[in-house]
Amino acid sequence: MNKKIGIGLCSLLAIATITTGCGNEAKLDDNKTAVSLKGIKITATEYYNNIKTNNISKLIDMIDHQLFDEKYPSTNEEDETIENQINQIKETYGSNDTMFLSAIQQYFGVNTEDELEAMLRLEYKRNEAVEDYIANNLSDKDIQDYYDKNIIGDIKASHILITPNIDSDATDEEKEKAEKKAKKEAEKIIKKLNDGEDFSKLAKEYSDDKSTAKDGGDLGYFNTDDMDENFIEAVKKLDNDEYTKDPVKTQYGYHIILKTDQKDKPKLKKVKDEIKTTLTNAKLDNDAKLHYQTLIDIRKDNNIKWNDDKLEKQYEELMDQLLQAATNSSNN
């Protein structure tokens, strides 16, 4: 997220009403004086042209406030998120007023904590809008495919974990030796199972997962988000009361897994929102430009029209810069 895009301006055109002039340029009343001193005056048009030239991002903030403030009213979750973000900024840059204000001016382009909060709230609402837009434009096929391939009923299993004994200062050779030893021990336990020994008793005797060993390795019910990917892939292939015939390697060590039960797969209707959230997050993670491109699309869908060619050009240039910066960031 580009945190340097400024907060919404209270009113870019508070001094007068815009009318459309020749050549697609928004005009103000040239004769209206915005401010004067000692015979010198700055007209409303001069003021507006200066703002127009240097503050396109503030105009975009105004547009997005109109689009999102009413549609996404503030919630307790938003309040908590914004409070945490501000506290993190204070922890990073210092809570001392001078240090904090200097930091937010430098890194966020705002002058006060209230302006920082307003900026963060707009970004929060933009994120909500982007996620909703992507989720609502997912195809039924994408949702069905994910459901078919990834959604499973809760699984119940037990395991025996053998953890390699590796010191923090161990050499690569020592680590490899410890890994081989742990795997060999797991293979010996599988042989004992093949010979008819009881899984629960072996778990109590050998498992390094002491929190489950006392219960015979029982893990209870779990689903895909609860376990290591390799663990899940291995247990999905098992029938009830079947154990893995080879040790399963995860970040914790080597597992022997006994599947004891699996519930029915939930209906698509029940998990559809969860799937849409997962697919949306995956799309945003895989495409650095998607956040900004989606905001561009939302504005187009709301029939954004420019009555000033210079403003339109500045907007397009800024959007191109944000898209390019996102691309460069993902490539680094």
C-alpha atoms as a PDB file:
ATOM      1  CA  MET A   1       0.000   0.000   0.000  1.00  0.00           C
ATOM      2  CA  ASN A   2       1.385   3.406  -0.941  1.00  0.00           C
ATOM      3  CA  LYS A   3       1.098   5.272   2.359  1.00  0.00           C
ATOM      4  CA  LYS A   4       2.225   8.566   0.825  1.00  0.00           C
ATOM      5  CA  ILE A   5      -1.053   9.153  -0.970  1.00  0.00           C
ATOM      6  CA  GLY A   6      -2.529  12.003   1.065  1.00  0.00           C
ATOM      7  CA  ILE A   7      -5.715  12.228   3.041  1.00  0.00           C
ATOM      8  CA  GLY A   8      -8.925  13.702   1.712  1.00  0.00           C
ATOM      9  CA  LEU A   9      -9.058  17.473   1.306  1.00  0.00           C
ATOM     10  CA  CYS A  10     -11.937  19.135   3.163  1.00  0.00           C
ATOM     11  CA  SER A  11     -12.989  20.885  -0.025  1.00  0.00           C
ATOM     12  CA  LEU A  12     -10.747  21.476  -2.990  1.00  0.00           C
ATOM     13  CA  LEU A  13     -13.226  23.914  -4.440  1.00  0.00           C
ATOM     14  CA  ALA A  14     -14.593  25.551  -1.308  1.00  0.00           C
ATOM     15  CA  ILE A  15     -13.973  29.054  -2.649  1.00  0.00           C
ATOM     16  CA  ALA A  16     -16.267  28.823  -5.690  1.00  0.00           C
ATOM     17  CA  THR A  17     -18.321  26.607  -7.949  1.00  0.00           C
ATOM     18  CA  ILE A  18     -16.657  24.955 -10.928  1.00  0.00           C
ATOM     19  CA  THR A  19     -18.120  25.503 -14.364  1.00  0.00           C
ATOM     20  CA  THR A  20     -17.040  23.861 -17.585  1.00  0.00           C
ATOM     21  CA  GLY A  21     -15.098  26.117 -19.917  1.00  0.00           C
ATOM     22  CA  CYS A  22     -13.970  25.764 -23.504  1.00  0.00           C
ATOM     23  CA  GLY A  23     -11.387  23.109 -24.295  1.00  0.00           C
ATOM     24  CA  ASN A  24     -12.456  20.873 -21.391  1.00  0.00           C
ATOM     25  CA  GLU A  25     -10.939  22.932 -18.597  1.00  0.00           C
ATOM     26  CA  ALA A  26     -12.728  23.463 -15.308  1.00  0.00           C
ATOM     27  CA  LYS A  27     -12.934  27.201 -14.667  1.00  0.00           C
ATOM     28  CA  LEU A  28     -13.618  29.443 -11.710  1.00  0.00           C
ATOM     29  CA  ASP A  29     -14.654  33.093 -11.684  1.00  0.00           C
ATOM     30  CA  ASP A  30     -11.467  34.939 -12.710  1.00  0.00           C
ATOM     31  CA  ASN A  31     -12.685  38.088 -10.977  1.00  0.00           C
ATOM     32  CA  LYS A  32     -13.268  36.428  -7.606  1.00  0.00           C
ATOM     33  CA  THR A  33     -10.450  37.232  -5.213  1.00  0.00           C
ATOM     34  CA  ALA A  34      -9.353  34.443  -2.913  1.00  0.00           C
ATOM     35  CA  VAL A  35      -6.962  36.592  -0.868  1.00  0.00           C
ATOM     36  CA  SER A  36      -5.425  40.088  -1.138  1.00  0.00           C
ATOM     37  CA  LEU A  37      -2.821  42.213   0.605  1.00  0.00           C
ATOM     38  CA  LYS A  38      -1.319  45.695  -0.107  1.00  0.00           C
ATOM     39  CA  GLY A  39      -2.888  45.931  -3.534  1.00  0.00           C
ATOM     40  CA  ILE A  40      -1.869  42.373  -4.517  1.00  0.00           C
ATOM     41  CA  LYS A  41      -4.572  39.815  -5.067  1.00  0.00           C
ATOM     42  CA  ILE A  42      -4.673  36.098  -5.747  1.00  0.00           C
ATOM     43  CA  THR A  43      -7.748  35.144  -7.704  1.00  0.00           C
ATOM     44  CA  ALA A  44      -9.827  32.056  -7.151  1.00  0.00           C
ATOM     45  CA  THR A  45      -8.708  30.766 -10.544  1.00  0.00           C
ATOM     46  CA  GLU A  46      -5.027  31.176  -9.664  1.00  0.00           C
ATOM     47  CA  TYR A  47      -5.563  29.352  -6.388  1.00  0.00           C
ATOM     48  CA  TYR A  48      -7.476  26.553  -8.056  1.00  0.00           C
ATOM     49  CA  ASN A  49      -4.859  26.107 -10.800  1.00  0.00           C
ATOM     50  CA  ASN A  50      -2.128  25.810  -8.172  1.00  0.00           C
ATOM     51  CA  ILE A  51      -4.091  23.208  -6.242  1.00  0.00           C
ATOM     52  CA  LYS A  52      -4.949  21.377  -9.464  1.00  0.00           C
ATOM     53  CA  THR A  53      -1.307  21.208 -10.527  1.00  0.00           C
ATOM     54  CA  ASN A  54       0.118  19.940  -7.250  1.00  0.00           C
ATOM     55  CA  ASN A  55      -2.571  17.940  -5.472  1.00  0.00           C
ATOM     56  CA  ILE A  56      -4.140  15.364  -7.795  1.00  0.00           C
ATOM     57  CA  SER A  57      -3.802  12.745  -5.054  1.00  0.00           C
ATOM     58  CA  LYS A  58      -6.003  14.858  -2.766  1.00  0.00           C
ATOM     59  CA  LEU A  59      -8.669  15.029  -5.451  1.00  0.00           C
ATOM     60  CA  ILE A  60      -8.531  11.235  -5.746  1.00  0.00           C
ATOM     61  CA  ASP A  61      -9.009  11.021  -1.984  1.00  0.00           C
ATOM     62  CA  MET A  62     -12.107  13.197  -2.318  1.00  0.00           C
ATOM     63  CA  ILE A  63     -13.456  10.909  -5.031  1.00  0.00           C
ATOM     64  CA  ASP A  64     -12.859   7.798  -2.950  1.00  0.00           C
ATOM     65  CA  HIS A  65     -14.410   9.345   0.151  1.00  0.00           C
ATOM     66  CA  GLN A  66     -17.565   9.891  -1.906  1.00  0.00           C
ATOM     67  CA  LEU A  67     -17.461   6.295  -3.134  1.00  0.00           C
ATOM     68  CA  PHE A  68     -16.613   4.476   0.080  1.00  0.00           C
ATOM     69  CA  ASP A  69     -17.434   6.443   3.243  1.00  0.00           C
ATOM     70  CA  GLU A  70     -21.160   5.747   3.159  1.00  0.00           C
ATOM     71  CA  LYS A  71     -20.877   2.259   1.691  1.00  0.00           C
ATOM     72  CA  TYR A  72     -18.333   1.159   4.318  1.00  0.00           C
ATOM     73  CA  PRO A  73     -19.247   2.848   7.617  1.00  0.00           C
ATOM     74  CA  SER A  74     -16.666   2.581  10.374  1.00  0.00           C
ATOM     75  CA  THR A  75     -16.901  -0.507  12.588  1.00  0.00           C
ATOM     76  CA  ASN A  76     -15.326  -1.621  15.848  1.00  0.00           C
ATOM     77  CA  GLU A  77     -12.950  -3.780  13.829  1.00  0.00           C
ATOM     78  CA  GLU A  78     -11.861  -0.753  11.791  1.00  0.00           C
ATOM     79  CA  ASP A  79     -11.413   1.326  14.947  1.00  0.00           C
ATOM     80  CA  GLU A  80      -9.263  -1.376  16.519  1.00  0.00           C
ATOM     81  CA  THR A  81      -7.193  -1.827  13.358  1.00  0.00           C
ATOM     82  CA  ILE A  82      -6.506   1.891  12.994  1.00  0.00           C
ATOM     83  CA  GLU A  83      -5.610   2.228  16.681  1.00  0.00           C
ATOM     84  CA  ASN A  84      -3.161  -0.683  16.384  1.00  0.00           C
ATOM     85  CA  GLN A  85      -1.599   0.791  13.247  1.00  0.00           C
ATOM     86  CA  ILE A  86      -1.036   4.161  14.915  1.00  0.00           C
ATOM     87  CA  ASN A  87       0.427   2.474  18.007  1.00  0.00           C
ATOM     88  CA  GLN A  88       2.790   0.459  15.803  1.00  0.00           C
ATOM     89  CA  ILE A  89       3.922   3.649  14.075  1.00  0.00           C
ATOM     90  CA  LYS A  90       4.586   5.231  17.476  1.00  0.00           C
ATOM     91  CA  GLU A  91       6.539   2.164  18.592  1.00  0.00           C
ATOM     92  CA  THR A  92       8.598   2.265  15.398  1.00  0.00           C
ATOM     93  CA  TYR A  93       9.314   5.985  15.202  1.00  0.00           C
ATOM     94  CA  GLY A  94       8.861   7.056  18.826  1.00  0.00           C
ATOM     95  CA  SER A  95       5.825   8.284  20.741  1.00  0.00           C
ATOM     96  CA  ASN A  96       7.505  11.594  21.562  1.00  0.00           C
ATOM     97  CA  ASP A  97       5.366  14.279  19.889  1.00  0.00           C
ATOM     98  CA  THR A  98       8.236  15.844  17.978  1.00  0.00           C
ATOM     99  CA  MET A  99       9.635  12.521  16.758  1.00  0.00           C
ATOM    100  CA  PHE A 100       6.197  11.161  15.904  1.00  0.00           C
ATOM    101  CA  LEU A 101       5.061  14.246  13.987  1.00  0.00           C
ATOM    102  CA  SER A 102       8.364  14.416  12.122  1.00  0.00           C
ATOM    103  CA  ALA A 103       8.056  10.752  11.140  1.00  0.00           C
ATOM    104  CA  ILE A 104       4.491  10.944   9.866  1.00  0.00           C
ATOM    105  CA  GLN A 105       5.326  14.078   7.886  1.00  0.00           C
ATOM    106  CA  GLN A 106       8.280  12.332   6.265  1.00  0.00           C
ATOM    107  CA  TYR A 107       6.815   8.884   5.648  1.00  0.00           C
ATOM    108  CA  PHE A 108       3.072   9.520   5.324  1.00  0.00           C
ATOM    109  CA  GLY A 109       2.815  13.092   4.131  1.00  0.00           C
ATOM    110  CA  VAL A 110       0.516  14.231   6.962  1.00  0.00           C
ATOM    111  CA  ASN A 111       1.014  16.811   9.695  1.00  0.00           C
ATOM    112  CA  THR A 112      -1.092  15.644  12.633  1.00  0.00           C
ATOM    113  CA  GLU A 113      -2.258  12.417  14.232  1.00  0.00           C
ATOM    114  CA  ASP A 114      -5.836  13.229  13.193  1.00  0.00           C
ATOM    115  CA  GLU A 115      -4.715  13.510   9.558  1.00  0.00           C
ATOM    116  CA  LEU A 116      -2.851  10.203   9.877  1.00  0.00           C
ATOM    117  CA  GLU A 117      -5.975   8.536  11.267  1.00  0.00           C
ATOM    118  CA  ALA A 118      -8.082   9.920   8.422  1.00  0.00           C
ATOM    119  CA  MET A 119      -5.586   8.626   5.863  1.00  0.00           C
ATOM    120  CA  LEU A 120      -5.487   5.165   7.437  1.00  0.00           C
ATOM    121  CA  ARG A 121      -9.286   5.000   7.586  1.00  0.00           C
ATOM    122  CA  LEU A 122      -9.562   5.799   3.883  1.00  0.00           C
ATOM    123  CA  GLU A 123      -7.008   3.104   3.080  1.00  0.00           C
ATOM    124  CA  TYR A 124      -8.974   0.644   5.238  1.00  0.00           C
ATOM    125  CA  LYS A 125     -12.156   1.398   3.294  1.00  0.00           C
ATOM    126  CA  ARG A 126     -10.295   1.144  -0.007  1.00  0.00           C
ATOM    127  CA  ASN A 127      -9.108  -2.306   1.016  1.00  0.00           C
ATOM    128  CA  GLU A 128     -12.674  -3.324   1.859  1.00  0.00           C
ATOM    129  CA  ALA A 129     -13.879  -2.060  -1.511  1.00  0.00           C
ATOM    130  CA  VAL A 130     -11.108  -3.827  -3.405  1.00  0.00           C
ATOM    131  CA  GLU A 131     -11.734  -7.142  -1.652  1.00  0.00           C
ATOM    132  CA  ASP A 132     -15.489  -6.926  -2.237  1.00  0.00           C
ATOM    133  CA  TYR A 133     -15.037  -6.044  -5.899  1.00  0.00           C
ATOM    134  CA  ILE A 134     -12.675  -8.953  -6.570  1.00  0.00           C
ATOM    135  CA  ALA A 135     -14.807 -11.410  -4.601  1.00  0.00           C
ATOM    136  CA  ASN A 136     -17.975 -10.374  -6.416  1.00  0.00           C
ATOM    137  CA  ASN A 137     -16.296 -10.862  -9.782  1.00  0.00           C
ATOM    138  CA  LEU A 138     -15.019 -14.381  -9.158  1.00  0.00           C
ATOM    139  CA  SER A 139     -16.452 -16.907 -11.577  1.00  0.00           C
ATOM    140  CA  ASP A 140     -18.672 -19.744 -10.404  1.00  0.00           C
ATOM    141  CA  LYS A 141     -16.193 -22.128 -12.023  1.00  0.00           C
ATOM    142  CA  ASP A 142     -13.284 -20.777  -9.955  1.00  0.00           C
ATOM    143  CA  ILE A 143     -15.309 -21.195  -6.781  1.00  0.00           C
ATOM    144  CA  GLN A 144     -16.484 -24.696  -7.712  1.00  0.00           C
ATOM    145  CA  ASP A 145     -12.976 -25.809  -8.699  1.00  0.00           C
ATOM    146  CA  TYR A 146     -11.559 -24.643  -5.378  1.00  0.00           C
ATOM    147  CA  TYR A 147     -14.376 -26.385  -3.522  1.00  0.00           C
ATOM    148  CA  ASP A 148     -13.800 -29.647  -5.367  1.00  0.00           C
ATOM    149  CA  LYS A 149     -10.023 -29.655  -4.897  1.00  0.00           C
ATOM    150  CA  ASN A 150      -9.491 -28.100  -1.480  1.00  0.00           C
ATOM    151  CA  ILE A 151     -12.531 -28.316   0.782  1.00  0.00           C
ATOM    152  CA  ILE A 152     -12.668 -31.399   2.969  1.00  0.00           C
ATOM    153  CA  GLY A 153     -14.583 -32.513   6.017  1.00  0.00           C
ATOM    154  CA  ASP A 154     -12.849 -32.231   9.402  1.00  0.00           C
ATOM    155  CA  ILE A 155     -10.351 -35.030   9.953  1.00  0.00           C
ATOM    156  CA  LYS A 156      -9.486 -36.748  13.203  1.00  0.00           C
ATOM    157  CA  ALA A 157      -6.064 -38.336  13.524  1.00  0.00           C
ATOM    158  CA  SER A 158      -3.293 -39.349  15.885  1.00  0.00           C
ATOM    159  CA  HIS A 159       0.409 -39.048  15.288  1.00  0.00           C
ATOM    160  CA  ILE A 160       3.821 -40.034  16.562  1.00  0.00           C
ATOM    161  CA  LEU A 161       6.415 -37.299  16.101  1.00  0.00           C
ATOM    162  CA  ILE A 162      10.141 -37.907  15.982  1.00  0.00           C
ATOM    163  CA  THR A 163      12.068 -34.647  16.149  1.00  0.00           C
ATOM    164  CA  PRO A 164      15.709 -34.474  15.002  1.00  0.00           C
ATOM    165  CA  ASN A 165      18.005 -33.583  17.899  1.00  0.00           C
ATOM    166  CA  ILE A 166      19.790 -30.550  16.445  1.00  0.00           C
ATOM    167  CA  ASP A 167      21.766 -27.985  18.458  1.00  0.00           C
ATOM    168  CA  SER A 168      21.418 -24.328  17.494  1.00  0.00           C
ATOM    169  CA  ASP A 169      25.113 -24.183  16.513  1.00  0.00           C
ATOM    170  CA  ALA A 170      25.119 -27.503  14.631  1.00  0.00           C
ATOM    171  CA  THR A 171      26.953 -27.749  11.317  1.00  0.00           C
ATOM    172  CA  ASP A 172      25.175 -28.764   8.112  1.00  0.00           C
ATOM    173  CA  GLU A 173      26.770 -32.179   8.396  1.00  0.00           C
ATOM    174  CA  GLU A 174      25.503 -32.582  11.971  1.00  0.00           C
ATOM    175  CA  LYS A 175      22.013 -31.467  10.941  1.00  0.00           C
ATOM    176  CA  GLU A 176      21.914 -33.974   8.103  1.00  0.00           C
ATOM    177  CA  LYS A 177      23.074 -36.736  10.432  1.00  0.00           C
ATOM    178  CA  ALA A 178      20.350 -35.877  12.974  1.00  0.00           C
ATOM    179  CA  GLU A 179      17.689 -35.817  10.235  1.00  0.00           C
ATOM    180  CA  LYS A 180      18.694 -39.276   9.034  1.00  0.00           C
ATOM    181  CA  LYS A 181      18.670 -40.627  12.571  1.00  0.00           C
ATOM    182  CA  ALA A 182      15.164 -39.261  13.238  1.00  0.00           C
ATOM    183  CA  LYS A 183      13.817 -40.654   9.979  1.00  0.00           C
ATOM    184  CA  LYS A 184      15.350 -44.057  10.718  1.00  0.00           C
ATOM    185  CA  GLU A 185      13.735 -44.104  14.170  1.00  0.00           C
ATOM    186  CA  ALA A 186      10.344 -43.227  12.606  1.00  0.00           C
ATOM    187  CA  GLU A 187      10.779 -46.090  10.113  1.00  0.00           C
ATOM    188  CA  LYS A 188      11.468 -48.496  13.004  1.00  0.00           C
ATOM    189  CA  ILE A 189       8.202 -47.437  14.664  1.00  0.00           C
ATOM    190  CA  ILE A 190       6.303 -48.044  11.409  1.00  0.00           C
ATOM    191  CA  LYS A 191       7.809 -51.550  11.345  1.00  0.00           C
ATOM    192  CA  LYS A 192       6.478 -52.122  14.866  1.00  0.00           C
ATOM    193  CA  LEU A 193       3.013 -51.053  13.636  1.00  0.00           C
ATOM    194  CA  ASN A 194       3.333 -53.406  10.692  1.00  0.00           C
ATOM    195  CA  ASP A 195       4.080 -56.167  13.205  1.00  0.00           C
ATOM    196  CA  GLY A 196       0.804 -55.440  14.994  1.00  0.00           C
ATOM    197  CA  GLU A 197       1.875 -53.249  17.907  1.00  0.00           C
ATOM    198  CA  ASP A 198      -0.639 -50.721  19.271  1.00  0.00           C
ATOM    199  CA  PHE A 199      -0.384 -47.168  17.884  1.00  0.00           C
ATOM    200  CA  SER A 200      -1.470 -45.508  21.126  1.00  0.00           C
ATOM    201  CA  LYS A 201       1.130 -47.335  23.210  1.00  0.00           C
ATOM    202  CA  LEU A 202       3.896 -46.525  20.716  1.00  0.00           C
ATOM    203  CA  ALA A 203       2.885 -42.850  20.749  1.00  0.00           C
ATOM    204  CA  LYS A 204       3.093 -42.734  24.537  1.00  0.00           C
ATOM    205  CA  GLU A 205       6.518 -44.368  24.444  1.00  0.00           C
ATOM    206  CA  TYR A 206       8.224 -42.680  21.496  1.00  0.00           C
ATOM    207  CA  SER A 207       6.472 -39.455  20.420  1.00  0.00           C
ATOM    208  CA  ASP A 208       8.323 -36.187  20.977  1.00  0.00           C
ATOM    209  CA  ASP A 209       5.010 -34.294  20.927  1.00  0.00           C
ATOM    210  CA  LYS A 210       4.507 -34.561  24.685  1.00  0.00           C
ATOM    211  CA  SER A 211       1.225 -32.615  24.602  1.00  0.00           C
ATOM    212  CA  THR A 212      -0.457 -35.410  22.619  1.00  0.00           C
ATOM    213  CA  ALA A 213       1.697 -38.419  23.537  1.00  0.00           C
ATOM    214  CA  LYS A 214      -0.105 -38.906  26.857  1.00  0.00           C
ATOM    215  CA  ASP A 215      -3.359 -39.333  24.875  1.00  0.00           C
ATOM    216  CA  GLY A 216      -1.864 -41.820  22.468  1.00  0.00           C
ATOM    217  CA  GLY A 217      -1.002 -39.091  19.935  1.00  0.00           C
ATOM    218  CA  ASP A 218      -4.633 -37.953  19.532  1.00  0.00           C
ATOM    219  CA  LEU A 219      -4.818 -34.600  17.675  1.00  0.00           C
ATOM    220  CA  GLY A 220      -8.602 -34.315  17.699  1.00  0.00           C
ATOM    221  CA  TYR A 221     -10.423 -32.894  14.669  1.00  0.00           C
ATOM    222  CA  PHE A 222      -8.688 -30.432  12.352  1.00  0.00           C
ATOM    223  CA  ASN A 223      -8.851 -29.058   8.827  1.00  0.00           C
ATOM    224  CA  THR A 224      -6.509 -27.822   6.139  1.00  0.00           C
ATOM    225  CA  ASP A 225      -5.633 -24.505   7.792  1.00  0.00           C
ATOM    226  CA  ASP A 226      -4.681 -26.163  11.058  1.00  0.00           C
ATOM    227  CA  MET A 227      -1.777 -28.350   9.944  1.00  0.00           C
ATOM    228  CA  ASP A 228       1.384 -28.318   7.864  1.00  0.00           C
ATOM    229  CA  GLU A 229       0.655 -28.805   4.146  1.00  0.00           C
ATOM    230  CA  ASN A 230       2.666 -32.046   3.948  1.00  0.00           C
ATOM    231  CA  PHE A 231       0.797 -33.399   6.965  1.00  0.00           C
ATOM    232  CA  ILE A 232      -2.582 -32.577   5.398  1.00  0.00           C
ATOM    233  CA  GLU A 233      -1.700 -34.058   2.024  1.00  0.00           C
ATOM    234  CA  ALA A 234      -0.594 -37.300   3.665  1.00  0.00           C
ATOM    235  CA  VAL A 235      -3.622 -37.714   5.936  1.00  0.00           C
ATOM    236  CA  LYS A 236      -6.089 -36.908   3.116  1.00  0.00           C
ATOM    237  CA  LYS A 237      -4.895 -40.012   1.259  1.00  0.00           C
ATOM    238  CA  LEU A 238      -5.540 -42.340   4.188  1.00  0.00           C
ATOM    239  CA  ASP A 239      -8.658 -44.368   4.859  1.00  0.00           C
ATOM    240  CA  ASN A 240     -10.050 -44.431   8.377  1.00  0.00           C
ATOM    241  CA  ASP A 241      -7.903 -46.600  10.715  1.00  0.00           C
ATOM    242  CA  GLU A 242      -5.027 -46.519   8.218  1.00  0.00           C
ATOM    243  CA  TYR A 243      -1.565 -45.150   9.064  1.00  0.00           C
ATOM    244  CA  THR A 244       1.188 -43.748   6.850  1.00  0.00           C
ATOM    245  CA  LYS A 245       3.622 -46.395   5.630  1.00  0.00           C
ATOM    246  CA  ASP A 246       6.452 -43.876   5.305  1.00  0.00           C
ATOM    247  CA  PRO A 247       7.444 -41.048   7.678  1.00  0.00           C
ATOM    248  CA  VAL A 248       5.899 -37.680   6.778  1.00  0.00           C
ATOM    249  CA  LYS A 249       8.404 -34.800   6.907  1.00  0.00           C
ATOM    250  CA  THR A 250       7.280 -31.396   8.201  1.00  0.00           C
ATOM    251  CA  GLN A 251       9.035 -28.469   9.846  1.00  0.00           C
ATOM    252  CA  TYR A 252       8.627 -30.255  13.185  1.00  0.00           C
ATOM    253  CA  GLY A 253      10.242 -33.531  12.224  1.00  0.00           C
ATOM    254  CA  TYR A 254       8.982 -36.936  11.055  1.00  0.00           C
ATOM    255  CA  HIS A 255       5.388 -38.027  11.676  1.00  0.00           C
ATOM    256  CA  ILE A 256       3.651 -41.362  11.621  1.00  0.00           C
ATOM    257  CA  ILE A 257      -0.035 -40.530  11.145  1.00  0.00           C
ATOM    258  CA  LEU A 258      -3.075 -42.650  11.965  1.00  0.00           C
ATOM    259  CA  LYS A 259      -6.352 -41.403  10.514  1.00  0.00           C
ATOM    260  CA  THR A 260      -9.261 -42.285  12.806  1.00  0.00           C
ATOM    261  CA  ASP A 261     -12.265 -40.393  11.374  1.00  0.00           C
ATOM    262  CA  GLN A 262     -13.420 -37.853   8.794  1.00  0.00           C
ATOM    263  CA  LYS A 263     -16.634 -35.845   8.755  1.00  0.00           C
ATOM    264  CA  ASP A 264     -18.701 -35.232   5.640  1.00  0.00           C
ATOM    265  CA  LYS A 265     -17.601 -32.413   3.370  1.00  0.00           C
ATOM    266  CA  PRO A 266     -19.608 -29.206   4.054  1.00  0.00           C
ATOM    267  CA  LYS A 267     -22.032 -28.029   1.367  1.00  0.00           C
ATOM    268  CA  LEU A 268     -20.731 -25.393  -1.033  1.00  0.00           C
ATOM    269  CA  LYS A 269     -23.292 -22.871   0.191  1.00  0.00           C
ATOM    270  CA  LYS A 270     -21.906 -23.053   3.724  1.00  0.00           C
ATOM    271  CA  VAL A 271     -18.281 -22.385   2.755  1.00  0.00           C
ATOM    272  CA  LYS A 272     -18.765 -20.179  -0.321  1.00  0.00           C
ATOM    273  CA  ASP A 273     -17.920 -16.922   1.466  1.00  0.00           C
ATOM    274  CA  GLU A 274     -14.812 -18.519   2.969  1.00  0.00           C
ATOM    275  CA  ILE A 275     -13.715 -19.707  -0.473  1.00  0.00           C
ATOM    276  CA  LYS A 276     -14.257 -16.261  -1.991  1.00  0.00           C
ATOM    277  CA  THR A 277     -12.111 -14.694   0.729  1.00  0.00           C
ATOM    278  CA  THR A 278      -9.349 -17.235   0.161  1.00  0.00           C
ATOM    279  CA  LEU A 279      -9.366 -16.767  -3.619  1.00  0.00           C
ATOM    280  CA  THR A 280      -9.476 -12.979  -3.285  1.00  0.00           C
ATOM    281  CA  ASN A 281      -6.480 -12.918  -0.957  1.00  0.00           C
ATOM    282  CA  ALA A 282      -4.593 -15.259  -3.280  1.00  0.00           C
ATOM    283  CA  LYS A 283      -5.237 -12.982  -6.254  1.00  0.00           C
ATOM    284  CA  LEU A 284      -4.033  -9.925  -4.342  1.00  0.00           C
ATOM    285  CA  ASP A 285      -0.941 -11.769  -3.114  1.00  0.00           C
ATOM    286  CA  ASN A 286      -0.078 -12.963  -6.616  1.00  0.00           C
ATOM    287  CA  ASP A 287      -0.578  -9.652  -8.438  1.00  0.00           C
ATOM    288  CA  ALA A 288       0.998  -6.560  -6.890  1.00  0.00           C
ATOM    289  CA  LYS A 289      -0.858  -4.268  -9.313  1.00  0.00           C
ATOM    290  CA  LEU A 290      -4.313  -5.692  -8.628  1.00  0.00           C
ATOM    291  CA  HIS A 291      -5.121  -3.414  -5.681  1.00  0.00           C
ATOM    292  CA  TYR A 292      -4.581  -0.227  -7.695  1.00  0.00           C
ATOM    293  CA  GLN A 293      -6.102  -1.646 -10.872  1.00  0.00           C
ATOM    294  CA  THR A 294      -9.237  -2.605  -8.958  1.00  0.00           C
ATOM    295  CA  LEU A 295      -9.624   0.919  -7.577  1.00  0.00           C
ATOM    296  CA  ILE A 296      -9.289   2.238 -11.136  1.00  0.00           C
ATOM    297  CA  ASP A 297     -11.986  -0.195 -12.257  1.00  0.00           C
ATOM    298  CA  ILE A 298     -14.305   0.786  -9.394  1.00  0.00           C
ATOM    299  CA  ARG A 299     -14.045   4.450 -10.362  1.00  0.00           C
ATOM    300  CA  LYS A 300     -14.763   3.577 -14.004  1.00  0.00           C
ATOM    301  CA  ASP A 301     -17.781   1.521 -12.984  1.00  0.00           C
ATOM    302  CA  ASN A 302     -19.063   4.559 -11.127  1.00  0.00           C
ATOM    303  CA  ASN A 303     -18.883   6.569 -14.373  1.00  0.00           C
ATOM    304  CA  ILE A 304     -16.038   8.864 -13.411  1.00  0.00           C
ATOM    305  CA  LYS A 305     -16.012  11.776 -15.865  1.00  0.00           C
ATOM    306  CA  TRP A 306     -13.432  14.514 -16.170  1.00  0.00           C
ATOM    307  CA  ASN A 307     -14.420  18.028 -17.146  1.00  0.00           C
ATOM    308  CA  ASP A 308     -10.791  19.101 -17.149  1.00  0.00           C
ATOM    309  CA  ASP A 309      -8.281  17.509 -19.532  1.00  0.00           C
ATOM    310  CA  LYS A 310      -5.299  18.423 -17.346  1.00  0.00           C
ATOM    311  CA  LEU A 311      -6.833  16.773 -14.289  1.00  0.00           C
ATOM    312  CA  GLU A 312      -7.607  13.647 -16.281  1.00  0.00           C
ATOM    313  CA  LYS A 313      -4.043  13.482 -17.578  1.00  0.00           C
ATOM    314  CA  GLN A 314      -2.623  13.927 -14.067  1.00  0.00           C
ATOM    315  CA  TYR A 315      -4.900  11.195 -12.771  1.00  0.00           C
ATOM    316  CA  GLU A 316      -3.854   8.778 -15.500  1.00  0.00           C
ATOM    317  CA  GLU A 317      -0.180   9.574 -14.948  1.00  0.00           C
ATOM    318  CA  LEU A 318      -0.456   8.999 -11.195  1.00  0.00           C
ATOM    319  CA  MET A 319      -2.267   5.687 -11.701  1.00  0.00           C
ATOM    320  CA  ASP A 320       0.440   4.589 -14.154  1.00  0.00           C
ATOM    321  CA  GLN A 321       3.085   5.503 -11.571  1.00  0.00           C
ATOM    322  CA  LEU A 322       1.355   3.497  -8.842  1.00  0.00           C
ATOM    323  CA  LEU A 323       0.954   0.468 -11.113  1.00  0.00           C
ATOM    324  CA  GLN A 324       4.594   0.648 -12.165  1.00  0.00           C
ATOM    325  CA  ALA A 325       5.798   1.092  -8.588  1.00  0.00           C
ATOM    326  CA  ALA A 326       3.803  -1.974  -7.541  1.00  0.00           C
ATOM    327  CA  THR A 327       5.355  -3.976 -10.369  1.00  0.00           C
ATOM    328  CA  ASN A 328       8.873  -2.837  -9.464  1.00  0.00           C
ATOM    329  CA  SER A 329       8.279  -3.674  -5.807  1.00  0.00           C
ATOM    330  CA  SER A 330       7.162  -7.214  -6.619  1.00  0.00           C
ATOM    331  CA  ASN A 331      10.207  -7.758  -8.838  1.00  0.00           C
ATOM    332  CA  ASN A 332      12.691  -6.736  -6.141  1.00  0.00           C
END
